[in-house]
Amino acid sequence: MAVTQAIPITRHPYADGSYKKMLIDGQWIDAVSGKRFETHNPATGELLGTVAEGDAEDINRAVAAARRAFEGPWSKVKPYERQGLLLKLADLVEKNFEELSQLDTLDMGAPISRTRGNKLRVLGMLRYYAGQATALHGETIENSLPGEIFSYTLKEPVGVVGAIIPWNGPLAATVWKIGPAIATGCTVVLKPAEEAPLTSLRLAELCMEAGVPPGVVNVVPGYGETAGAALASHPDVDKVAFTGSHVTGQSIIRASAGNLKRVSLELGGKSPDIVFADADLDAAVPGAAMAVFANSGQICSAGTRLFVEQKVYDEFVGRVAEFGKKLQVGPGIDPNTQIGPLVSKDQLERVTGYLDIGQKEGARAMVGGRRLTEGALSKGYFVQPTVFANVQDNMRIAQEEIFGPVISAISFKDTDELVKRANATTFGLGSGVWTTNVSKAYQVAKALRAGSVWVNCYQAMDPAVPFGGYKMSGYGRESGKQHVEEYLNVKAVWIKTA
């Protein structure tokens, strides 16, 4: 395992330690309480910024602004104009993409190679939603009632959207929430994660520069138990779009009961990644490894349960461990870094806690299994990529979401038994299949209970292809036409013509 060294960079004003306000109704303002919180670089511990700490009163102000915009000028903006705003925003994001990438890297730790690599996806999403803005339509439906009665449907924006995002990919997550809101004519109040709020605030600046009207996009940083809870339960919010843990997702469902607001949830996972003996192992080794180690394992659909056919188990798991051992760990801002830090001290404690649990349960760490504190890593939250062998299905490391660079390698013999075991989880977000047998790939992909199945690849994403979960991984979809539908109501209209 190689360790990179810290390198100096030119600080963007959003990462220079200064104070950042929240955006409500087109104005940058302080929290009503005057409270602030700090955000730090997880690789070094240095202060990146101080941020206004929103709570229930700030959420009230933001929701009121969003409601005024929704019922006022924004309701008269035509699809072509909404499309133009999204295209202008996409151009601005493209122009400023390097600084946005650096903000993501500095605030949550992802390697700069990864955040820069998100460019196609982020710009693709904005331009996809722009295209959808002018493609919204209802239907004319011939009914069977007697007489002359004309029936048709309208697609209308659901209203004020409360959006709550996690910290593991702030730029993409923000676009994933505000893009469809603008496209459909909704307004949005976004609460970014307290661990990494800077990119969302900078993107809000670009929204204003693009000409998005006041009140259409509002950003209120704060903590989940205060600002997030107030947004989820607010009686004047029509829909909540949430990405995060299943525990928080359950609390959002309970909070939504007050006004039966629409809810879409993209939650956690414990995804099976299945390697058959007939797979192209040379491709499957890095594929299965980076299905977990990418972003230091902080990906909800990571293929953390690595099922390997018994006849190649020892060879394959050994090769994955060797691959993990050679990955370069260091501060994300170094372009040579492949594995950055975990986002926070709390996340570090969570992951290292599971490393201890795995070894106590009898799993064998073939590589990793510890925190890294050497040299440039001493002040950061670094965990070595870890591969546990001899993992049993009932072990906690095979059942619970760790959200760190930890693979649990499990052996299997029989395909039918494998499918049952792969589906034996409360989650159902992602899954992978590695085989050169087309029939086997088709049959296993059909049998897996998960929202995405990747065959001979992992984590492929496209703005036009829906993403979401089964079971405790949530409901609703993001990306694709299904995503836009989440922000629309369907109204039936009947006209008696005679």
Protein backbone atom coordinates (compact mmCIF):
# COMPACT_ATOMS: atom_id res chain seq x y z
CA MET A 1 0.00 0.00 0.00
CA ALA A 2 1.35 3.41 -0.98
CA VAL A 3 0.68 6.59 1.00
CA THR A 4 0.50 9.91 -0.80
CA GLN A 5 1.77 13.18 0.56
CA ALA A 6 -0.26 16.35 1.09
CA ILE A 7 0.14 18.94 -1.64
CA PRO A 8 -0.66 22.66 -1.51
CA ILE A 9 -3.56 24.06 -3.52
CA THR A 10 -4.97 27.48 -4.21
CA ARG A 11 -7.91 27.95 -1.89
CA HIS A 12 -11.28 28.84 -3.36
CA PRO A 13 -13.15 31.44 -1.26
CA TYR A 14 -15.59 28.71 -0.30
CA ALA A 15 -12.79 26.75 1.40
CA ASP A 16 -10.74 29.56 2.95
CA GLY A 17 -12.20 29.30 6.45
CA SER A 18 -14.62 32.21 6.04
CA TYR A 19 -18.29 32.40 7.01
CA LYS A 20 -21.04 31.17 4.65
CA LYS A 21 -24.67 32.26 4.94
CA MET A 22 -27.79 30.38 3.84
CA LEU A 23 -29.87 31.17 0.75
CA ILE A 24 -33.55 32.01 1.27
CA ASP A 25 -35.73 33.85 -1.25
CA GLY A 26 -32.73 34.91 -3.30
CA GLN A 27 -30.93 36.48 -0.31
CA TRP A 28 -27.88 35.31 1.61
CA ILE A 29 -28.83 35.59 5.27
CA ASP A 30 -27.82 34.49 8.76
CA ALA A 31 -29.70 31.90 10.78
CA VAL A 32 -32.43 33.42 12.95
CA SER A 33 -30.66 32.01 16.01
CA GLY A 34 -27.30 33.38 14.90
CA LYS A 35 -25.78 29.93 15.32
CA ARG A 36 -22.96 28.68 13.15
CA PHE A 37 -21.13 25.38 12.71
CA GLU A 38 -17.74 24.46 11.30
CA THR A 39 -16.86 22.17 8.41
CA HIS A 40 -13.41 20.59 8.26
CA ASN A 41 -11.18 18.80 5.76
CA PRO A 42 -11.35 15.10 6.79
CA ALA A 43 -7.85 14.50 5.38
CA THR A 44 -6.12 17.11 7.53
CA GLY A 45 -8.59 18.41 10.10
CA GLU A 46 -8.15 22.00 8.90
CA LEU A 47 -11.07 24.42 9.00
CA LEU A 48 -12.65 24.97 5.59
CA GLY A 49 -15.49 27.24 6.58
CA THR A 50 -18.02 28.36 9.16
CA VAL A 51 -21.62 27.93 8.05
CA ALA A 52 -24.94 29.38 9.18
CA GLU A 53 -26.76 26.74 11.23
CA GLY A 54 -30.39 26.60 10.23
CA ASP A 55 -33.16 25.21 12.40
CA ALA A 56 -36.97 25.11 12.39
CA GLU A 57 -37.44 28.88 12.10
CA ASP A 58 -35.11 29.09 9.10
CA ILE A 59 -36.94 26.18 7.49
CA ASN A 60 -40.21 28.08 8.06
CA ARG A 61 -38.80 31.09 6.24
CA ALA A 62 -37.45 29.00 3.38
CA VAL A 63 -40.69 27.06 2.91
CA ALA A 64 -42.69 30.30 2.93
CA ALA A 65 -40.40 31.71 0.24
CA ALA A 66 -40.71 28.53 -1.82
CA ARG A 67 -44.51 28.66 -1.51
CA ARG A 68 -44.66 32.31 -2.61
CA ALA A 69 -42.52 31.54 -5.64
CA PHE A 70 -44.51 28.43 -6.53
CA GLU A 71 -47.87 30.19 -6.40
CA GLY A 72 -46.52 33.42 -7.85
CA PRO A 73 -44.21 34.25 -10.76
CA TRP A 74 -42.67 30.80 -11.06
CA SER A 75 -46.06 29.25 -11.91
CA LYS A 76 -46.16 31.34 -15.08
CA VAL A 77 -42.69 30.38 -16.33
CA LYS A 78 -42.99 28.28 -19.49
CA PRO A 79 -41.30 24.90 -20.03
CA TYR A 80 -38.96 26.43 -22.60
CA GLU A 81 -37.83 29.01 -20.02
CA ARG A 82 -37.25 26.34 -17.36
CA GLN A 83 -35.25 24.41 -19.91
CA GLY A 84 -33.17 27.51 -20.63
CA LEU A 85 -32.42 28.02 -16.93
CA LEU A 86 -31.19 24.44 -16.58
CA LEU A 87 -29.03 24.73 -19.69
CA LYS A 88 -27.55 27.99 -18.42
CA LEU A 89 -26.88 26.35 -15.05
CA ALA A 90 -25.21 23.41 -16.82
CA ASP A 91 -22.94 25.81 -18.70
CA LEU A 92 -21.98 27.54 -15.46
CA VAL A 93 -21.31 24.24 -13.72
CA GLU A 94 -19.13 23.20 -16.66
CA LYS A 95 -17.24 26.51 -16.51
CA ASN A 96 -16.67 26.16 -12.75
CA PHE A 97 -16.34 22.40 -12.56
CA GLU A 98 -12.75 22.33 -11.32
CA GLU A 99 -13.58 24.43 -8.25
CA LEU A 100 -16.73 22.38 -7.58
CA SER A 101 -14.64 19.21 -7.76
CA GLN A 102 -12.15 20.67 -5.32
CA LEU A 103 -14.93 21.64 -2.91
CA ASP A 104 -16.32 18.11 -2.92
CA THR A 105 -12.83 16.71 -2.37
CA LEU A 106 -11.89 19.13 0.40
CA ASP A 107 -15.20 18.91 2.26
CA MET A 108 -15.87 15.16 2.19
CA GLY A 109 -12.53 13.65 1.18
CA ALA A 110 -13.16 11.91 -2.15
CA PRO A 111 -10.09 11.68 -4.42
CA ILE A 112 -9.94 14.58 -6.87
CA SER A 113 -9.69 12.04 -9.68
CA ARG A 114 -13.13 10.77 -8.67
CA THR A 115 -14.80 14.18 -8.27
CA ARG A 116 -13.34 15.36 -11.59
CA GLY A 117 -14.53 12.11 -13.12
CA ASN A 118 -18.13 12.98 -12.20
CA LYS A 119 -18.21 15.74 -14.81
CA LEU A 120 -20.00 13.79 -17.52
CA ARG A 121 -22.62 12.53 -15.08
CA VAL A 122 -23.32 15.89 -13.42
CA LEU A 123 -23.55 17.83 -16.67
CA GLY A 124 -25.49 14.99 -18.24
CA MET A 125 -28.07 15.13 -15.46
CA LEU A 126 -28.62 18.87 -15.78
CA ARG A 127 -29.00 18.67 -19.55
CA TYR A 128 -31.21 15.60 -19.32
CA TYR A 129 -33.59 17.39 -16.95
CA ALA A 130 -33.49 20.37 -19.28
CA GLY A 131 -34.71 18.11 -22.07
CA GLN A 132 -37.44 16.70 -19.86
CA ALA A 133 -38.76 20.19 -19.05
CA THR A 134 -40.33 20.47 -22.50
CA ALA A 135 -41.37 16.81 -22.70
CA LEU A 136 -43.98 16.77 -19.92
CA HIS A 137 -47.43 15.87 -21.15
CA GLY A 138 -50.69 14.20 -20.20
CA GLU A 139 -52.91 11.96 -22.28
CA THR A 140 -56.23 12.09 -24.04
CA ILE A 141 -58.22 9.06 -22.93
CA GLU A 142 -61.30 7.79 -24.68
CA ASN A 143 -63.75 6.86 -21.93
CA SER A 144 -66.80 4.58 -22.14
CA LEU A 145 -69.41 6.84 -20.56
CA PRO A 146 -72.60 7.59 -22.56
CA GLY A 147 -72.89 10.93 -24.27
CA GLU A 148 -70.22 13.33 -25.39
CA ILE A 149 -67.68 13.53 -22.54
CA PHE A 150 -64.07 14.35 -23.30
CA SER A 151 -61.43 13.14 -20.81
CA TYR A 152 -57.76 13.91 -20.55
CA THR A 153 -54.98 14.22 -17.98
CA LEU A 154 -52.63 17.02 -16.99
CA LYS A 155 -49.20 16.65 -15.41
CA GLU A 156 -48.70 19.37 -12.80
CA PRO A 157 -45.82 20.15 -10.43
CA VAL A 158 -46.32 18.65 -6.99
CA GLY A 159 -45.40 21.95 -5.29
CA VAL A 160 -42.83 22.74 -2.60
CA VAL A 161 -40.16 20.02 -2.33
CA GLY A 162 -38.06 19.43 0.76
CA ALA A 163 -34.77 17.87 -0.35
CA ILE A 164 -32.34 16.29 2.12
CA ILE A 165 -29.03 14.94 0.84
CA PRO A 166 -26.06 13.00 2.27
CA TRP A 167 -22.39 13.93 2.32
CA ASN A 168 -20.89 11.22 0.11
CA GLY A 169 -21.25 13.11 -3.19
CA PRO A 170 -22.52 16.65 -2.57
CA LEU A 171 -22.42 18.02 -6.13
CA ALA A 172 -24.19 15.11 -7.81
CA ALA A 173 -26.65 14.75 -4.94
CA THR A 174 -27.60 18.43 -5.10
CA VAL A 175 -28.14 18.28 -8.86
CA TRP A 176 -30.17 15.08 -8.42
CA LYS A 177 -32.62 17.01 -6.24
CA ILE A 178 -32.86 20.51 -7.72
CA GLY A 179 -32.66 19.44 -11.39
CA PRO A 180 -36.04 17.68 -11.57
CA ALA A 181 -37.63 20.32 -9.33
CA ILE A 182 -36.74 23.12 -11.77
CA ALA A 183 -37.64 20.99 -14.80
CA THR A 184 -41.15 20.27 -13.53
CA GLY A 185 -41.92 23.74 -12.15
CA CYS A 186 -41.61 22.84 -8.46
CA THR A 187 -39.73 24.90 -5.90
CA VAL A 188 -37.22 23.40 -3.49
CA VAL A 189 -35.77 23.82 -0.02
CA LEU A 190 -32.50 21.89 0.15
CA LYS A 191 -30.83 20.84 3.38
CA PRO A 192 -27.28 19.69 2.63
CA ALA A 193 -25.44 17.36 4.97
CA GLU A 194 -23.76 19.15 7.84
CA GLU A 195 -20.56 17.20 7.16
CA ALA A 196 -20.18 18.67 3.64
CA PRO A 197 -22.36 21.73 2.91
CA LEU A 198 -20.00 23.88 0.84
CA THR A 199 -20.62 22.55 -2.67
CA SER A 200 -24.40 22.89 -2.30
CA LEU A 201 -24.02 26.51 -1.23
CA ARG A 202 -21.70 27.27 -4.14
CA LEU A 203 -24.10 25.59 -6.56
CA ALA A 204 -26.86 27.80 -5.16
CA GLU A 205 -24.76 30.81 -6.15
CA LEU A 206 -24.57 29.44 -9.67
CA CYS A 207 -28.36 28.96 -9.69
CA MET A 208 -28.75 32.65 -8.96
CA GLU A 209 -26.20 33.53 -11.63
CA ALA A 210 -28.14 31.41 -14.11
CA GLY A 211 -31.25 33.47 -13.38
CA VAL A 212 -33.25 31.03 -11.26
CA PRO A 213 -35.88 33.31 -9.63
CA PRO A 214 -35.85 34.04 -5.88
CA GLY A 215 -37.53 31.37 -3.79
CA VAL A 216 -37.28 28.63 -6.41
CA VAL A 217 -34.08 27.20 -4.91
CA ASN A 218 -33.39 27.73 -1.20
CA VAL A 219 -30.49 26.16 0.71
CA VAL A 220 -30.61 25.83 4.51
CA PRO A 221 -27.58 24.12 6.08
CA GLY A 222 -28.07 22.59 9.49
CA TYR A 223 -28.32 19.37 11.42
CA GLY A 224 -30.66 16.52 10.66
CA GLU A 225 -32.36 16.49 14.05
CA THR A 226 -33.26 20.19 13.77
CA ALA A 227 -33.38 21.55 10.21
CA GLY A 228 -33.91 18.16 8.56
CA ALA A 229 -36.66 17.09 10.94
CA ALA A 230 -38.42 20.45 10.57
CA LEU A 231 -38.35 20.13 6.78
CA ALA A 232 -39.67 16.55 6.80
CA SER A 233 -42.60 17.42 9.05
CA HIS A 234 -43.44 20.87 7.68
CA PRO A 235 -47.16 21.13 6.86
CA ASP A 236 -46.55 23.30 3.78
CA VAL A 237 -44.05 20.97 2.12
CA ASP A 238 -45.74 18.85 -0.55
CA LYS A 239 -42.97 16.31 -1.10
CA VAL A 240 -39.77 15.16 0.56
CA ALA A 241 -36.93 13.72 -1.53
CA PHE A 242 -34.40 12.09 0.78
CA THR A 243 -31.13 10.21 0.33
CA GLY A 244 -29.50 8.70 3.40
CA SER A 245 -29.82 5.93 5.97
CA HIS A 246 -32.84 3.68 6.29
CA VAL A 247 -33.26 4.70 9.94
CA THR A 248 -33.62 8.37 8.99
CA GLY A 249 -35.83 7.34 6.07
CA GLN A 250 -38.21 5.65 8.48
CA SER A 251 -38.38 8.80 10.62
CA ILE A 252 -39.14 10.87 7.51
CA ILE A 253 -42.04 8.58 6.64
CA ARG A 254 -43.45 9.06 10.13
CA ALA A 255 -42.95 12.82 9.91
CA SER A 256 -44.72 12.95 6.55
CA ALA A 257 -47.99 11.68 8.00
CA GLY A 258 -49.10 15.15 9.16
CA ASN A 259 -50.13 16.29 5.69
CA LEU A 260 -49.56 12.97 3.83
CA LYS A 261 -46.79 14.59 1.78
CA ARG A 262 -45.27 12.62 -1.09
CA VAL A 263 -42.01 10.90 -0.17
CA SER A 264 -39.24 9.38 -2.27
CA LEU A 265 -36.40 7.61 -0.49
CA GLU A 266 -33.00 6.41 -1.69
CA LEU A 267 -31.61 4.59 1.32
CA GLY A 268 -28.82 2.24 2.30
CA GLY A 269 -27.72 -1.10 0.96
CA LYS A 270 -25.80 -4.28 1.60
CA SER A 271 -25.44 -5.25 -2.01
CA PRO A 272 -24.35 -8.68 -3.27
CA ASP A 273 -21.62 -8.79 -5.91
CA ILE A 274 -21.49 -12.31 -7.35
CA VAL A 275 -18.46 -13.81 -9.10
CA PHE A 276 -18.89 -17.12 -10.92
CA ALA A 277 -15.94 -19.36 -11.74
CA ASP A 278 -16.50 -18.79 -15.46
CA ALA A 279 -16.11 -14.99 -15.12
CA ASP A 280 -13.30 -13.03 -16.72
CA LEU A 281 -11.37 -12.87 -13.46
CA ASP A 282 -8.89 -10.31 -14.77
CA ALA A 283 -11.77 -7.87 -15.22
CA ALA A 284 -13.69 -9.00 -12.14
CA VAL A 285 -10.83 -8.44 -9.67
CA PRO A 286 -10.58 -4.64 -10.08
CA GLY A 287 -14.33 -4.45 -10.73
CA ALA A 288 -15.27 -6.18 -7.49
CA ALA A 289 -12.59 -4.34 -5.52
CA MET A 290 -13.58 -0.86 -6.66
CA ALA A 291 -17.27 -1.73 -6.26
CA VAL A 292 -16.43 -1.24 -2.57
CA PHE A 293 -13.19 0.70 -2.27
CA ALA A 294 -14.28 3.60 -4.51
CA ASN A 295 -15.06 6.71 -2.42
CA SER A 296 -13.67 4.78 0.57
CA GLY A 297 -16.75 2.58 0.54
CA GLN A 298 -19.03 5.53 1.18
CA ILE A 299 -21.51 4.56 -1.54
CA CYS A 300 -24.98 3.27 -0.70
CA SER A 301 -24.97 0.66 -3.48
CA ALA A 302 -21.42 -0.61 -2.87
CA GLY A 303 -21.04 -4.35 -3.53
CA THR A 304 -19.91 -5.11 0.00
CA ARG A 305 -21.09 -8.77 0.11
CA LEU A 306 -18.71 -10.42 -2.34
CA PHE A 307 -20.07 -13.88 -3.20
CA VAL A 308 -17.42 -16.00 -4.95
CA GLU A 309 -17.93 -19.50 -6.36
CA GLN A 310 -16.06 -21.96 -4.17
CA LYS A 311 -13.78 -23.40 -6.88
CA VAL A 312 -12.14 -19.97 -7.41
CA TYR A 313 -12.75 -18.47 -3.95
CA ASP A 314 -9.21 -18.61 -2.58
CA GLU A 315 -7.60 -17.41 -5.79
CA PHE A 316 -10.06 -14.62 -6.44
CA VAL A 317 -10.27 -13.25 -2.89
CA GLY A 318 -6.49 -13.35 -2.65
CA ARG A 319 -6.21 -11.31 -5.85
CA VAL A 320 -8.76 -8.75 -4.60
CA ALA A 321 -6.76 -8.42 -1.38
CA GLU A 322 -3.55 -7.85 -3.36
CA PHE A 323 -5.33 -5.24 -5.47
CA GLY A 324 -6.50 -3.43 -2.32
CA LYS A 325 -3.02 -3.55 -0.84
CA LYS A 326 -1.59 -1.64 -3.81
CA LEU A 327 -4.13 1.21 -3.79
CA GLN A 328 -2.66 4.60 -2.96
CA VAL A 329 -4.16 6.12 0.17
CA GLY A 330 -3.88 9.82 0.93
CA PRO A 331 -5.48 13.27 0.92
CA GLY A 332 -8.06 13.47 -1.83
CA ILE A 333 -6.59 16.64 -3.30
CA ASP A 334 -3.51 14.71 -4.48
CA PRO A 335 -4.27 13.52 -8.05
CA ASN A 336 -2.37 10.28 -7.33
CA THR A 337 -4.68 9.34 -4.46
CA GLN A 338 -7.01 6.41 -5.09
CA ILE A 339 -8.46 6.07 -1.58
CA GLY A 340 -9.23 9.18 0.46
CA PRO A 341 -10.32 9.60 4.07
CA LEU A 342 -13.67 8.84 5.60
CA VAL A 343 -15.80 11.94 5.98
CA SER A 344 -15.67 12.44 9.77
CA LYS A 345 -14.50 11.19 13.12
CA ASP A 346 -17.92 9.64 13.73
CA GLN A 347 -17.70 7.69 10.48
CA LEU A 348 -14.16 6.61 11.32
CA GLU A 349 -15.34 5.25 14.68
CA ARG A 350 -18.24 3.45 13.00
CA VAL A 351 -16.03 1.75 10.41
CA THR A 352 -13.22 0.79 12.78
CA GLY A 353 -15.86 -0.56 15.14
CA TYR A 354 -16.98 -2.95 12.40
CA LEU A 355 -13.36 -3.93 11.74
CA ASP A 356 -13.16 -5.08 15.36
CA ILE A 357 -16.54 -6.83 15.13
CA GLY A 358 -15.53 -8.75 12.01
CA GLN A 359 -12.38 -10.13 13.59
CA LYS A 360 -14.22 -11.04 16.80
CA GLU A 361 -16.84 -12.89 14.74
CA GLY A 362 -14.13 -15.03 13.19
CA ALA A 363 -13.60 -13.37 9.83
CA ARG A 364 -9.99 -13.10 8.63
CA ALA A 365 -8.63 -9.77 7.41
CA MET A 366 -6.53 -10.67 4.38
CA VAL A 367 -5.58 -7.03 3.98
CA GLY A 368 -6.35 -3.93 6.04
CA GLY A 369 -8.44 -4.11 9.17
CA ARG A 370 -7.06 -0.97 10.76
CA ARG A 371 -6.89 2.81 10.77
CA LEU A 372 -3.93 4.45 9.03
CA THR A 373 -1.97 7.14 10.85
CA GLU A 374 1.41 7.17 9.13
CA GLY A 375 3.00 10.43 7.97
CA ALA A 376 0.61 12.66 6.05
CA LEU A 377 -2.32 10.54 7.24
CA SER A 378 -1.84 11.26 10.94
CA LYS A 379 -4.49 13.99 11.22
CA GLY A 380 -7.06 12.46 8.90
CA TYR A 381 -9.73 9.77 9.05
CA PHE A 382 -8.07 7.08 6.94
CA VAL A 383 -8.88 3.37 6.93
CA GLN A 384 -6.91 0.86 4.91
CA PRO A 385 -8.92 -1.00 2.24
CA THR A 386 -9.99 -4.21 3.96
CA VAL A 387 -10.93 -7.67 2.67
CA PHE A 388 -12.47 -10.09 5.14
CA ALA A 389 -12.36 -13.79 4.17
CA ASN A 390 -14.21 -16.73 5.75
CA VAL A 391 -17.30 -14.56 6.21
CA GLN A 392 -20.58 -16.27 7.11
CA ASP A 393 -24.00 -14.95 6.09
CA ASN A 394 -25.10 -14.32 9.66
CA MET A 395 -22.10 -12.19 10.66
CA ARG A 396 -22.84 -8.54 11.35
CA ILE A 397 -20.26 -7.46 8.77
CA ALA A 398 -22.32 -9.40 6.19
CA GLN A 399 -25.69 -8.02 7.29
CA GLU A 400 -25.19 -4.40 8.39
CA GLU A 401 -24.20 -1.43 6.25
CA ILE A 402 -20.67 -0.36 7.21
CA PHE A 403 -20.21 2.51 4.72
CA GLY A 404 -16.47 2.08 4.60
CA PRO A 405 -13.83 0.32 2.42
CA VAL A 406 -14.66 -3.14 3.76
CA ILE A 407 -15.38 -6.25 1.66
CA SER A 408 -17.00 -9.33 3.17
CA ALA A 409 -16.04 -12.29 0.95
CA ILE A 410 -18.47 -15.22 1.09
CA SER A 411 -18.16 -18.61 -0.63
CA PHE A 412 -20.96 -20.36 -2.54
CA LYS A 413 -21.46 -23.62 -4.48
CA ASP A 414 -25.00 -23.84 -5.84
CA THR A 415 -26.62 -21.08 -7.96
CA ASP A 416 -30.15 -21.57 -6.60
CA GLU A 417 -28.86 -21.47 -3.04
CA LEU A 418 -26.76 -18.44 -3.94
CA VAL A 419 -29.77 -16.41 -5.09
CA LYS A 420 -31.60 -17.10 -1.83
CA ARG A 421 -28.55 -16.07 0.16
CA ALA A 422 -27.94 -12.96 -1.95
CA ASN A 423 -31.56 -11.88 -1.40
CA ALA A 424 -31.43 -12.68 2.34
CA THR A 425 -30.97 -9.06 3.38
CA THR A 426 -33.31 -6.28 4.43
CA PHE A 427 -31.83 -4.12 1.67
CA GLY A 428 -32.18 -4.18 -2.11
CA LEU A 429 -30.37 -1.31 -3.78
CA GLY A 430 -27.58 -2.64 -6.01
CA SER A 431 -26.13 -5.98 -7.08
CA GLY A 432 -23.51 -7.35 -9.43
CA VAL A 433 -23.01 -10.50 -11.51
CA TRP A 434 -19.71 -11.54 -13.11
CA THR A 435 -19.98 -14.36 -15.67
CA THR A 436 -19.32 -15.07 -19.33
CA ASN A 437 -22.49 -17.20 -19.52
CA VAL A 438 -25.30 -15.06 -20.96
CA SER A 439 -28.09 -17.39 -19.79
CA LYS A 440 -26.71 -17.42 -16.25
CA ALA A 441 -26.40 -13.63 -16.23
CA TYR A 442 -30.00 -13.24 -17.38
CA GLN A 443 -31.42 -15.74 -14.89
CA VAL A 444 -29.55 -14.40 -11.87
CA ALA A 445 -30.22 -10.76 -12.76
CA LYS A 446 -33.93 -11.53 -12.98
CA ALA A 447 -33.93 -13.36 -9.64
CA LEU A 448 -32.08 -10.71 -7.62
CA ARG A 449 -34.32 -8.43 -5.56
CA ALA A 450 -32.54 -5.14 -6.14
CA GLY A 451 -33.19 -1.91 -7.99
CA SER A 452 -30.02 -2.20 -10.10
CA VAL A 453 -28.16 -5.25 -11.39
CA TRP A 454 -24.78 -4.68 -13.03
CA VAL A 455 -23.45 -7.52 -15.17
CA ASN A 456 -19.67 -7.63 -15.76
CA CYS A 457 -19.42 -4.05 -14.44
CA TYR A 458 -20.44 -2.16 -11.31
CA GLN A 459 -21.89 1.28 -10.49
CA ALA A 460 -22.63 2.21 -14.10
CA MET A 461 -24.93 5.28 -13.98
CA ASP A 462 -26.66 7.37 -16.64
CA PRO A 463 -29.14 10.28 -16.36
CA ALA A 464 -31.66 8.41 -18.53
CA VAL A 465 -31.58 5.16 -16.50
CA PRO A 466 -33.58 4.98 -13.25
CA PHE A 467 -31.84 4.24 -9.94
CA GLY A 468 -33.49 3.23 -6.69
CA GLY A 469 -34.17 0.42 -4.27
CA TYR A 470 -36.31 -2.48 -3.19
CA LYS A 471 -37.22 -3.31 0.41
CA MET A 472 -35.42 -1.20 3.07
CA SER A 473 -33.40 0.55 0.38
CA GLY A 474 -36.38 2.82 -0.21
CA TYR A 475 -38.87 3.61 -2.93
CA GLY A 476 -39.13 6.02 -5.82
CA ARG A 477 -36.50 6.44 -8.49
CA GLU A 478 -33.86 8.99 -9.40
CA SER A 479 -32.71 9.57 -12.99
CA GLY A 480 -34.80 8.60 -15.97
CA LYS A 481 -38.38 9.52 -16.74
CA GLN A 482 -39.45 7.87 -13.51
CA HIS A 483 -37.51 10.50 -11.57
CA VAL A 484 -39.36 13.38 -13.19
CA GLU A 485 -42.69 11.67 -12.48
CA GLU A 486 -41.85 11.78 -8.76
CA TYR A 487 -42.21 15.57 -8.93
CA LEU A 488 -45.55 15.59 -10.75
CA ASN A 489 -49.21 15.16 -9.90
CA VAL A 490 -51.67 13.72 -12.41
CA LYS A 491 -54.99 15.53 -12.77
CA ALA A 492 -57.94 14.03 -14.65
CA VAL A 493 -60.19 16.51 -16.50
CA TRP A 494 -63.71 15.69 -17.75
CA ILE A 495 -65.59 17.96 -20.14
CA LYS A 496 -69.16 17.28 -21.14
CA THR A 497 -69.46 18.77 -24.63
CA ALA A 498 -73.17 18.23 -25.25
